[in-house]
Amino acid sequence: MFKQASWIEKLQLSKHIEGGYYTQSYISDSEYKTLDGEKRAIASSIYFLLEDTDFSAFHRLKSDEIWNFHYGAVFTIAAIDLEGELHFFELGVDLEKGQYPQVVIPKGWIFGSYTTSGFGVCGCVVAPGFEYEDFELFTQKTLLLEYPKHEEIIKRLTRK
């Protein structure tokens, strides 16, 4: 059984701006032209490690993101859809407890994640491929103004 430090070392993970650790594991050579005329890789993928002392802060992408469970603690993904409704998804392998080994977050949704016991490792595939210019990280103040009814989870998954 690997310890957290082993995963970080063997996968060559670095600190992620949203929280946790990551490394890009794949980027397609094939390109796609967006409706805005921008070129993007067809898809990209990262390994992502999150420990229970940290969280992945609320952010939004212009692409769909597919989360795939690999190891360890269950990820709770909180997502605010385009109508402002809050959804929770459990990324894990215990189907009897309502967990799923794969979760899809549609483009435009605001989402973040956390674990509650130890650390977890997953893979995240973004299609079209991830670009930092398509990434929006939110402040607590901004989200509380827009979605005051989700105050508890917003405070849990944002940095001031």
N, C-alpha and C. Protein backbone atom coordinates (compact mmCIF):
# COMPACT_ATOMS: atom_id res chain seq x y z
N MET A 1 0.85 -1.18 0.00
CA MET A 1 0.00 0.00 0.00
C MET A 1 0.90 1.25 0.00
N PHE A 2 0.71 2.10 -0.98
CA PHE A 2 1.51 3.32 -1.09
C PHE A 2 1.08 4.37 -0.07
N LYS A 3 2.03 5.09 0.42
CA LYS A 3 1.75 6.26 1.26
C LYS A 3 1.63 7.47 0.34
N GLN A 4 1.06 8.51 0.87
CA GLN A 4 0.85 9.73 0.08
C GLN A 4 2.14 10.22 -0.57
N ALA A 5 3.22 10.27 0.18
CA ALA A 5 4.50 10.76 -0.36
C ALA A 5 4.97 9.92 -1.54
N SER A 6 4.70 8.61 -1.51
CA SER A 6 5.09 7.74 -2.61
C SER A 6 4.32 8.08 -3.89
N TRP A 7 3.03 8.33 -3.75
CA TRP A 7 2.22 8.73 -4.92
C TRP A 7 2.75 10.04 -5.50
N ILE A 8 3.01 11.00 -4.63
CA ILE A 8 3.50 12.31 -5.09
C ILE A 8 4.83 12.15 -5.82
N GLU A 9 5.72 11.33 -5.26
CA GLU A 9 7.03 11.13 -5.87
C GLU A 9 6.93 10.34 -7.18
N LYS A 10 6.26 9.19 -7.15
CA LYS A 10 6.24 8.31 -8.32
C LYS A 10 5.47 8.91 -9.50
N LEU A 11 4.42 9.68 -9.21
CA LEU A 11 3.66 10.32 -10.30
C LEU A 11 4.18 11.72 -10.61
N GLN A 12 5.19 12.17 -9.87
CA GLN A 12 5.80 13.49 -10.05
C GLN A 12 4.74 14.60 -9.97
N LEU A 13 3.98 14.56 -8.87
CA LEU A 13 2.90 15.53 -8.67
C LEU A 13 3.44 16.84 -8.11
N SER A 14 2.80 17.93 -8.48
CA SER A 14 3.13 19.28 -8.00
C SER A 14 1.88 19.89 -7.38
N LYS A 15 2.08 20.90 -6.53
CA LYS A 15 0.93 21.60 -5.93
C LYS A 15 0.07 22.22 -7.03
N HIS A 16 -1.24 22.10 -6.87
CA HIS A 16 -2.20 22.66 -7.83
C HIS A 16 -2.73 23.98 -7.28
N ILE A 17 -2.95 24.94 -8.14
CA ILE A 17 -3.45 26.26 -7.74
C ILE A 17 -4.80 26.17 -7.01
N GLU A 18 -5.63 25.18 -7.35
CA GLU A 18 -6.95 25.04 -6.72
C GLU A 18 -6.89 24.24 -5.43
N GLY A 19 -5.73 23.62 -5.13
CA GLY A 19 -5.58 22.75 -3.98
C GLY A 19 -5.20 21.35 -4.44
N GLY A 20 -4.59 20.58 -3.58
CA GLY A 20 -4.17 19.23 -3.94
C GLY A 20 -2.89 19.23 -4.75
N TYR A 21 -2.62 18.07 -5.36
CA TYR A 21 -1.43 17.86 -6.17
C TYR A 21 -1.85 17.28 -7.52
N TYR A 22 -1.07 17.58 -8.57
CA TYR A 22 -1.43 17.07 -9.89
C TYR A 22 -0.21 16.95 -10.80
N THR A 23 -0.39 16.24 -11.88
CA THR A 23 0.54 16.26 -13.01
C THR A 23 -0.26 15.94 -14.26
N GLN A 24 0.10 16.58 -15.35
CA GLN A 24 -0.57 16.26 -16.61
C GLN A 24 -0.02 14.94 -17.11
N SER A 25 -0.91 13.98 -17.35
CA SER A 25 -0.49 12.65 -17.79
C SER A 25 -0.71 12.43 -19.27
N TYR A 26 -1.52 13.29 -19.90
CA TYR A 26 -1.82 13.11 -21.33
C TYR A 26 -2.33 14.42 -21.91
N ILE A 27 -1.92 14.70 -23.14
CA ILE A 27 -2.53 15.77 -23.93
C ILE A 27 -2.54 15.29 -25.38
N SER A 28 -3.70 15.37 -26.00
CA SER A 28 -3.86 14.88 -27.37
C SER A 28 -3.08 15.73 -28.36
N ASP A 29 -2.54 15.07 -29.38
CA ASP A 29 -1.90 15.78 -30.48
C ASP A 29 -2.94 16.37 -31.44
N SER A 30 -4.14 15.81 -31.41
CA SER A 30 -5.21 16.29 -32.29
C SER A 30 -5.81 17.56 -31.71
N GLU A 31 -6.14 18.50 -32.59
CA GLU A 31 -6.69 19.78 -32.13
C GLU A 31 -8.14 19.94 -32.52
N TYR A 32 -8.79 20.83 -31.80
CA TYR A 32 -10.20 21.15 -31.97
C TYR A 32 -10.30 22.66 -32.01
N LYS A 33 -11.16 23.19 -32.84
CA LYS A 33 -11.36 24.64 -32.89
C LYS A 33 -12.67 24.96 -32.17
N THR A 34 -12.59 25.80 -31.14
CA THR A 34 -13.78 26.14 -30.36
C THR A 34 -14.67 27.09 -31.14
N LEU A 35 -15.88 27.32 -30.63
CA LEU A 35 -16.80 28.27 -31.26
C LEU A 35 -16.23 29.68 -31.27
N ASP A 36 -15.32 29.96 -30.33
CA ASP A 36 -14.66 31.26 -30.28
C ASP A 36 -13.44 31.34 -31.21
N GLY A 37 -13.19 30.25 -31.94
CA GLY A 37 -12.06 30.22 -32.86
C GLY A 37 -10.73 29.85 -32.22
N GLU A 38 -10.74 29.48 -30.94
CA GLU A 38 -9.52 29.09 -30.24
C GLU A 38 -9.19 27.63 -30.53
N LYS A 39 -7.91 27.31 -30.60
CA LYS A 39 -7.48 25.92 -30.79
C LYS A 39 -7.26 25.27 -29.43
N ARG A 40 -7.76 24.07 -29.30
CA ARG A 40 -7.60 23.28 -28.08
C ARG A 40 -7.26 21.85 -28.47
N ALA A 41 -6.53 21.18 -27.60
CA ALA A 41 -6.33 19.74 -27.78
C ALA A 41 -7.70 19.07 -27.66
N ILE A 42 -7.89 17.96 -28.34
CA ILE A 42 -9.15 17.23 -28.25
C ILE A 42 -9.44 16.86 -26.79
N ALA A 43 -8.41 16.46 -26.06
CA ALA A 43 -8.57 16.07 -24.66
C ALA A 43 -7.23 16.16 -23.94
N SER A 44 -7.32 16.25 -22.62
CA SER A 44 -6.13 16.19 -21.76
C SER A 44 -6.52 15.47 -20.48
N SER A 45 -5.51 15.01 -19.75
CA SER A 45 -5.78 14.26 -18.53
C SER A 45 -4.71 14.56 -17.48
N ILE A 46 -5.13 14.54 -16.22
CA ILE A 46 -4.19 14.70 -15.11
C ILE A 46 -4.42 13.60 -14.09
N TYR A 47 -3.38 13.32 -13.30
CA TYR A 47 -3.54 12.62 -12.04
C TYR A 47 -3.76 13.71 -11.00
N PHE A 48 -4.63 13.45 -10.03
CA PHE A 48 -4.95 14.43 -9.00
C PHE A 48 -4.99 13.74 -7.65
N LEU A 49 -4.24 14.26 -6.68
CA LEU A 49 -4.22 13.72 -5.32
C LEU A 49 -4.72 14.80 -4.38
N LEU A 50 -5.63 14.42 -3.50
CA LEU A 50 -6.19 15.36 -2.53
C LEU A 50 -6.17 14.72 -1.16
N GLU A 51 -5.70 15.47 -0.17
CA GLU A 51 -5.67 14.97 1.20
C GLU A 51 -6.77 15.64 2.02
N ASP A 52 -7.11 15.03 3.15
CA ASP A 52 -8.23 15.53 3.95
C ASP A 52 -7.94 16.84 4.67
N THR A 53 -6.70 17.31 4.63
CA THR A 53 -6.37 18.60 5.24
C THR A 53 -6.44 19.74 4.22
N ASP A 54 -6.83 19.43 3.01
CA ASP A 54 -6.89 20.41 1.92
C ASP A 54 -8.21 20.25 1.19
N PHE A 55 -8.43 21.03 0.16
CA PHE A 55 -9.61 20.90 -0.69
C PHE A 55 -9.30 21.46 -2.06
N SER A 56 -10.09 21.04 -3.01
CA SER A 56 -10.04 21.61 -4.36
C SER A 56 -11.07 22.73 -4.37
N ALA A 57 -10.60 23.97 -4.51
CA ALA A 57 -11.48 25.14 -4.40
C ALA A 57 -12.44 25.24 -5.58
N PHE A 58 -13.58 25.88 -5.32
CA PHE A 58 -14.59 26.06 -6.36
C PHE A 58 -13.98 26.76 -7.58
N HIS A 59 -14.20 26.15 -8.73
CA HIS A 59 -13.71 26.69 -9.99
C HIS A 59 -14.65 26.28 -11.11
N ARG A 60 -14.43 26.85 -12.29
CA ARG A 60 -15.27 26.54 -13.45
C ARG A 60 -14.38 26.36 -14.67
N LEU A 61 -14.79 25.42 -15.53
CA LEU A 61 -14.08 25.17 -16.79
C LEU A 61 -15.02 25.41 -17.96
N LYS A 62 -14.44 25.67 -19.12
CA LYS A 62 -15.22 25.82 -20.35
C LYS A 62 -15.38 24.48 -21.06
N SER A 63 -14.90 23.41 -20.44
CA SER A 63 -14.98 22.06 -21.00
C SER A 63 -15.58 21.12 -19.96
N ASP A 64 -16.09 19.98 -20.43
CA ASP A 64 -16.53 18.93 -19.52
C ASP A 64 -15.30 18.32 -18.85
N GLU A 65 -15.49 17.86 -17.60
CA GLU A 65 -14.40 17.16 -16.90
C GLU A 65 -14.93 15.84 -16.38
N ILE A 66 -14.20 14.77 -16.68
CA ILE A 66 -14.58 13.42 -16.26
C ILE A 66 -13.60 12.97 -15.18
N TRP A 67 -14.13 12.70 -13.99
CA TRP A 67 -13.32 12.26 -12.85
C TRP A 67 -13.38 10.73 -12.78
N ASN A 68 -12.22 10.09 -12.63
CA ASN A 68 -12.12 8.64 -12.51
C ASN A 68 -11.36 8.29 -11.23
N PHE A 69 -12.01 7.51 -10.37
CA PHE A 69 -11.40 7.12 -9.09
C PHE A 69 -10.27 6.12 -9.32
N HIS A 70 -9.15 6.32 -8.60
CA HIS A 70 -8.02 5.40 -8.69
C HIS A 70 -7.68 4.73 -7.36
N TYR A 71 -7.65 5.50 -6.24
CA TYR A 71 -7.12 4.91 -5.01
C TYR A 71 -7.49 5.77 -3.80
N GLY A 72 -7.66 5.12 -2.66
CA GLY A 72 -7.72 5.81 -1.38
C GLY A 72 -9.07 6.33 -0.96
N ALA A 73 -9.05 7.52 -0.36
CA ALA A 73 -10.25 8.13 0.21
C ALA A 73 -11.25 8.52 -0.88
N VAL A 74 -12.51 8.48 -0.51
CA VAL A 74 -13.60 8.90 -1.39
C VAL A 74 -13.54 10.41 -1.56
N PHE A 75 -13.75 10.87 -2.77
CA PHE A 75 -13.85 12.30 -3.07
C PHE A 75 -15.31 12.71 -3.01
N THR A 76 -15.61 13.79 -2.32
CA THR A 76 -16.92 14.41 -2.41
C THR A 76 -16.77 15.61 -3.32
N ILE A 77 -17.54 15.60 -4.41
CA ILE A 77 -17.50 16.70 -5.37
C ILE A 77 -18.79 17.49 -5.21
N ALA A 78 -18.67 18.77 -4.91
CA ALA A 78 -19.82 19.67 -4.81
C ALA A 78 -19.85 20.50 -6.09
N ALA A 79 -21.03 20.58 -6.71
CA ALA A 79 -21.13 21.30 -7.99
C ALA A 79 -22.40 22.13 -8.04
N ILE A 80 -22.26 23.35 -8.53
CA ILE A 80 -23.39 24.26 -8.72
C ILE A 80 -23.66 24.30 -10.22
N ASP A 81 -24.87 23.88 -10.61
CA ASP A 81 -25.19 23.82 -12.04
C ASP A 81 -25.54 25.19 -12.61
N LEU A 82 -25.87 25.24 -13.88
CA LEU A 82 -26.14 26.51 -14.57
C LEU A 82 -27.37 27.24 -14.04
N GLU A 83 -28.27 26.52 -13.36
CA GLU A 83 -29.45 27.14 -12.75
C GLU A 83 -29.23 27.51 -11.29
N GLY A 84 -28.03 27.26 -10.77
CA GLY A 84 -27.71 27.61 -9.39
C GLY A 84 -28.05 26.53 -8.37
N GLU A 85 -28.43 25.34 -8.84
CA GLU A 85 -28.74 24.24 -7.93
C GLU A 85 -27.46 23.51 -7.54
N LEU A 86 -27.42 23.07 -6.28
CA LEU A 86 -26.25 22.40 -5.73
C LEU A 86 -26.40 20.88 -5.82
N HIS A 87 -25.34 20.22 -6.27
CA HIS A 87 -25.31 18.76 -6.38
C HIS A 87 -24.07 18.24 -5.67
N PHE A 88 -24.20 17.05 -5.07
CA PHE A 88 -23.06 16.38 -4.46
C PHE A 88 -22.88 15.02 -5.13
N PHE A 89 -21.64 14.67 -5.43
CA PHE A 89 -21.30 13.39 -6.03
C PHE A 89 -20.20 12.75 -5.20
N GLU A 90 -20.30 11.45 -4.99
CA GLU A 90 -19.28 10.70 -4.26
C GLU A 90 -18.49 9.88 -5.27
N LEU A 91 -17.19 10.18 -5.39
CA LEU A 91 -16.31 9.46 -6.30
C LEU A 91 -15.57 8.39 -5.51
N GLY A 92 -15.90 7.14 -5.77
CA GLY A 92 -15.32 6.01 -5.05
C GLY A 92 -15.80 4.72 -5.69
N VAL A 93 -15.60 3.61 -5.00
CA VAL A 93 -15.95 2.32 -5.59
C VAL A 93 -17.02 1.55 -4.83
N ASP A 94 -17.56 2.10 -3.76
CA ASP A 94 -18.60 1.40 -3.00
C ASP A 94 -19.97 1.80 -3.54
N LEU A 95 -20.41 1.05 -4.55
CA LEU A 95 -21.69 1.36 -5.20
C LEU A 95 -22.86 1.26 -4.23
N GLU A 96 -22.76 0.37 -3.25
CA GLU A 96 -23.83 0.20 -2.26
C GLU A 96 -24.02 1.47 -1.42
N LYS A 97 -22.98 2.28 -1.29
CA LYS A 97 -23.06 3.52 -0.51
C LYS A 97 -23.32 4.73 -1.40
N GLY A 98 -23.65 4.50 -2.67
CA GLY A 98 -23.95 5.60 -3.57
C GLY A 98 -22.75 6.25 -4.22
N GLN A 99 -21.61 5.58 -4.14
CA GLN A 99 -20.40 6.11 -4.78
C GLN A 99 -20.36 5.63 -6.24
N TYR A 100 -19.67 6.40 -7.05
CA TYR A 100 -19.48 6.05 -8.45
C TYR A 100 -18.00 6.14 -8.79
N PRO A 101 -17.47 5.19 -9.59
CA PRO A 101 -16.06 5.25 -9.95
C PRO A 101 -15.76 6.31 -11.01
N GLN A 102 -16.82 6.89 -11.59
CA GLN A 102 -16.64 7.95 -12.58
C GLN A 102 -17.75 8.98 -12.40
N VAL A 103 -17.37 10.26 -12.44
CA VAL A 103 -18.33 11.36 -12.32
C VAL A 103 -18.01 12.37 -13.42
N VAL A 104 -19.04 12.84 -14.12
CA VAL A 104 -18.87 13.84 -15.17
C VAL A 104 -19.40 15.18 -14.68
N ILE A 105 -18.57 16.21 -14.77
CA ILE A 105 -18.98 17.57 -14.44
C ILE A 105 -19.10 18.34 -15.76
N PRO A 106 -20.32 18.76 -16.12
CA PRO A 106 -20.50 19.46 -17.40
C PRO A 106 -19.81 20.83 -17.42
N LYS A 107 -19.44 21.26 -18.61
CA LYS A 107 -18.81 22.57 -18.77
C LYS A 107 -19.72 23.65 -18.19
N GLY A 108 -19.10 24.66 -17.62
CA GLY A 108 -19.85 25.78 -17.07
C GLY A 108 -20.31 25.61 -15.64
N TRP A 109 -20.29 24.37 -15.11
CA TRP A 109 -20.67 24.16 -13.71
C TRP A 109 -19.51 24.63 -12.83
N ILE A 110 -19.85 25.12 -11.64
CA ILE A 110 -18.86 25.53 -10.65
C ILE A 110 -18.69 24.37 -9.68
N PHE A 111 -17.45 23.92 -9.46
CA PHE A 111 -17.28 22.73 -8.63
C PHE A 111 -15.97 22.74 -7.86
N GLY A 112 -15.97 21.97 -6.79
CA GLY A 112 -14.81 21.77 -5.95
C GLY A 112 -14.94 20.41 -5.28
N SER A 113 -13.92 20.00 -4.53
CA SER A 113 -13.99 18.68 -3.91
C SER A 113 -13.18 18.62 -2.62
N TYR A 114 -13.46 17.56 -1.86
CA TYR A 114 -12.72 17.30 -0.63
C TYR A 114 -12.77 15.81 -0.32
N THR A 115 -11.86 15.38 0.54
CA THR A 115 -11.89 14.03 1.09
C THR A 115 -12.01 14.17 2.61
N THR A 116 -12.46 13.12 3.27
CA THR A 116 -12.65 13.23 4.72
C THR A 116 -11.81 12.26 5.54
N SER A 117 -11.14 11.32 4.89
CA SER A 117 -10.32 10.39 5.66
C SER A 117 -9.08 10.00 4.86
N GLY A 118 -8.00 10.68 5.13
CA GLY A 118 -6.76 10.38 4.41
C GLY A 118 -6.69 11.08 3.07
N PHE A 119 -6.09 10.40 2.11
CA PHE A 119 -5.93 11.02 0.79
C PHE A 119 -6.51 10.11 -0.28
N GLY A 120 -6.90 10.73 -1.39
CA GLY A 120 -7.42 9.98 -2.52
C GLY A 120 -6.69 10.39 -3.79
N VAL A 121 -6.68 9.47 -4.75
CA VAL A 121 -6.06 9.73 -6.05
C VAL A 121 -7.09 9.45 -7.13
N CYS A 122 -7.20 10.37 -8.07
CA CYS A 122 -8.11 10.18 -9.18
C CYS A 122 -7.46 10.69 -10.46
N GLY A 123 -8.11 10.45 -11.56
CA GLY A 123 -7.70 11.01 -12.84
C GLY A 123 -8.81 11.91 -13.33
N CYS A 124 -8.45 13.02 -13.95
CA CYS A 124 -9.44 13.95 -14.49
C CYS A 124 -9.15 14.17 -15.96
N VAL A 125 -10.13 13.85 -16.80
CA VAL A 125 -10.01 14.03 -18.24
C VAL A 125 -10.85 15.24 -18.63
N VAL A 126 -10.26 16.17 -19.36
CA VAL A 126 -10.96 17.38 -19.80
C VAL A 126 -11.06 17.33 -21.33
N ALA A 127 -12.28 17.55 -21.84
CA ALA A 127 -12.49 17.54 -23.29
C ALA A 127 -13.45 18.66 -23.68
N PRO A 128 -13.05 19.55 -24.59
CA PRO A 128 -11.72 19.73 -25.15
C PRO A 128 -10.68 19.95 -24.05
N GLY A 129 -9.42 19.77 -24.43
CA GLY A 129 -8.31 19.79 -23.48
C GLY A 129 -8.21 21.04 -22.63
N PHE A 130 -7.65 20.87 -21.44
CA PHE A 130 -7.51 21.94 -20.46
C PHE A 130 -6.54 23.01 -20.92
N GLU A 131 -6.93 24.26 -20.70
CA GLU A 131 -6.07 25.43 -20.87
C GLU A 131 -6.36 26.35 -19.69
N TYR A 132 -5.32 26.93 -19.09
CA TYR A 132 -5.54 27.80 -17.94
C TYR A 132 -6.43 28.99 -18.27
N GLU A 133 -6.44 29.45 -19.50
CA GLU A 133 -7.31 30.58 -19.86
C GLU A 133 -8.79 30.19 -19.84
N ASP A 134 -9.09 28.89 -19.80
CA ASP A 134 -10.47 28.40 -19.71
C ASP A 134 -10.85 28.04 -18.27
N PHE A 135 -10.00 28.39 -17.32
CA PHE A 135 -10.14 28.03 -15.90
C PHE A 135 -10.45 29.30 -15.11
N GLU A 136 -11.48 29.23 -14.28
CA GLU A 136 -11.87 30.37 -13.44
C GLU A 136 -11.95 29.91 -11.99
N LEU A 137 -11.12 30.46 -11.13
CA LEU A 137 -11.09 30.14 -9.70
C LEU A 137 -11.88 31.23 -8.97
N PHE A 138 -12.78 30.82 -8.07
CA PHE A 138 -13.68 31.76 -7.42
C PHE A 138 -13.24 32.13 -6.00
N THR A 139 -13.57 33.35 -5.61
CA THR A 139 -13.38 33.79 -4.23
C THR A 139 -14.66 33.50 -3.46
N GLN A 140 -14.52 33.43 -2.16
CA GLN A 140 -15.68 33.22 -1.29
C GLN A 140 -16.70 34.35 -1.47
N LYS A 141 -16.21 35.57 -1.50
CA LYS A 141 -17.09 36.73 -1.62
C LYS A 141 -17.94 36.68 -2.89
N THR A 142 -17.31 36.38 -4.01
CA THR A 142 -18.03 36.32 -5.28
C THR A 142 -19.14 35.28 -5.25
N LEU A 143 -18.84 34.08 -4.77
CA LEU A 143 -19.85 33.02 -4.76
C LEU A 143 -20.95 33.28 -3.75
N LEU A 144 -20.61 33.84 -2.59
CA LEU A 144 -21.65 34.14 -1.58
C LEU A 144 -22.63 35.19 -2.09
N LEU A 145 -22.15 36.14 -2.87
CA LEU A 145 -23.06 37.14 -3.45
C LEU A 145 -24.00 36.51 -4.46
N GLU A 146 -23.50 35.58 -5.25
CA GLU A 146 -24.29 34.93 -6.30
C GLU A 146 -25.17 33.80 -5.78
N TYR A 147 -24.67 33.04 -4.80
CA TYR A 147 -25.37 31.84 -4.32
C TYR A 147 -25.43 31.82 -2.79
N PRO A 148 -26.10 32.77 -2.15
CA PRO A 148 -26.11 32.83 -0.68
C PRO A 148 -26.72 31.58 -0.03
N LYS A 149 -27.61 30.89 -0.72
CA LYS A 149 -28.24 29.71 -0.12
C LYS A 149 -27.27 28.53 0.02
N HIS A 150 -26.11 28.62 -0.63
CA HIS A 150 -25.11 27.55 -0.54
C HIS A 150 -23.92 27.97 0.34
N GLU A 151 -24.19 28.84 1.31
CA GLU A 151 -23.14 29.43 2.14
C GLU A 151 -22.22 28.40 2.78
N GLU A 152 -22.78 27.35 3.36
CA GLU A 152 -21.96 26.38 4.10
C GLU A 152 -20.89 25.73 3.21
N ILE A 153 -21.28 25.23 2.04
CA ILE A 153 -20.31 24.56 1.18
C ILE A 153 -19.38 25.58 0.51
N ILE A 154 -19.87 26.77 0.23
CA ILE A 154 -19.02 27.81 -0.35
C ILE A 154 -17.89 28.17 0.62
N LYS A 155 -18.22 28.29 1.90
CA LYS A 155 -17.19 28.59 2.90
C LYS A 155 -16.20 27.43 3.05
N ARG A 156 -16.68 26.22 2.85
CA ARG A 156 -15.82 25.03 2.97
C ARG A 156 -14.85 24.90 1.79
N LEU A 157 -15.30 25.34 0.58
CA LEU A 157 -14.51 25.08 -0.63
C LEU A 157 -14.02 26.35 -1.34
N THR A 158 -13.78 27.40 -0.56
CA THR A 158 -13.16 28.61 -1.13
C THR A 158 -12.09 29.10 -0.16
N ARG A 159 -11.17 29.82 -0.73
CA ARG A 159 -10.16 30.50 0.08
C ARG A 159 -10.54 31.97 0.10
N LYS A 160 -10.29 32.63 1.20
CA LYS A 160 -10.68 34.04 1.31
C LYS A 160 -9.76 34.87 0.51
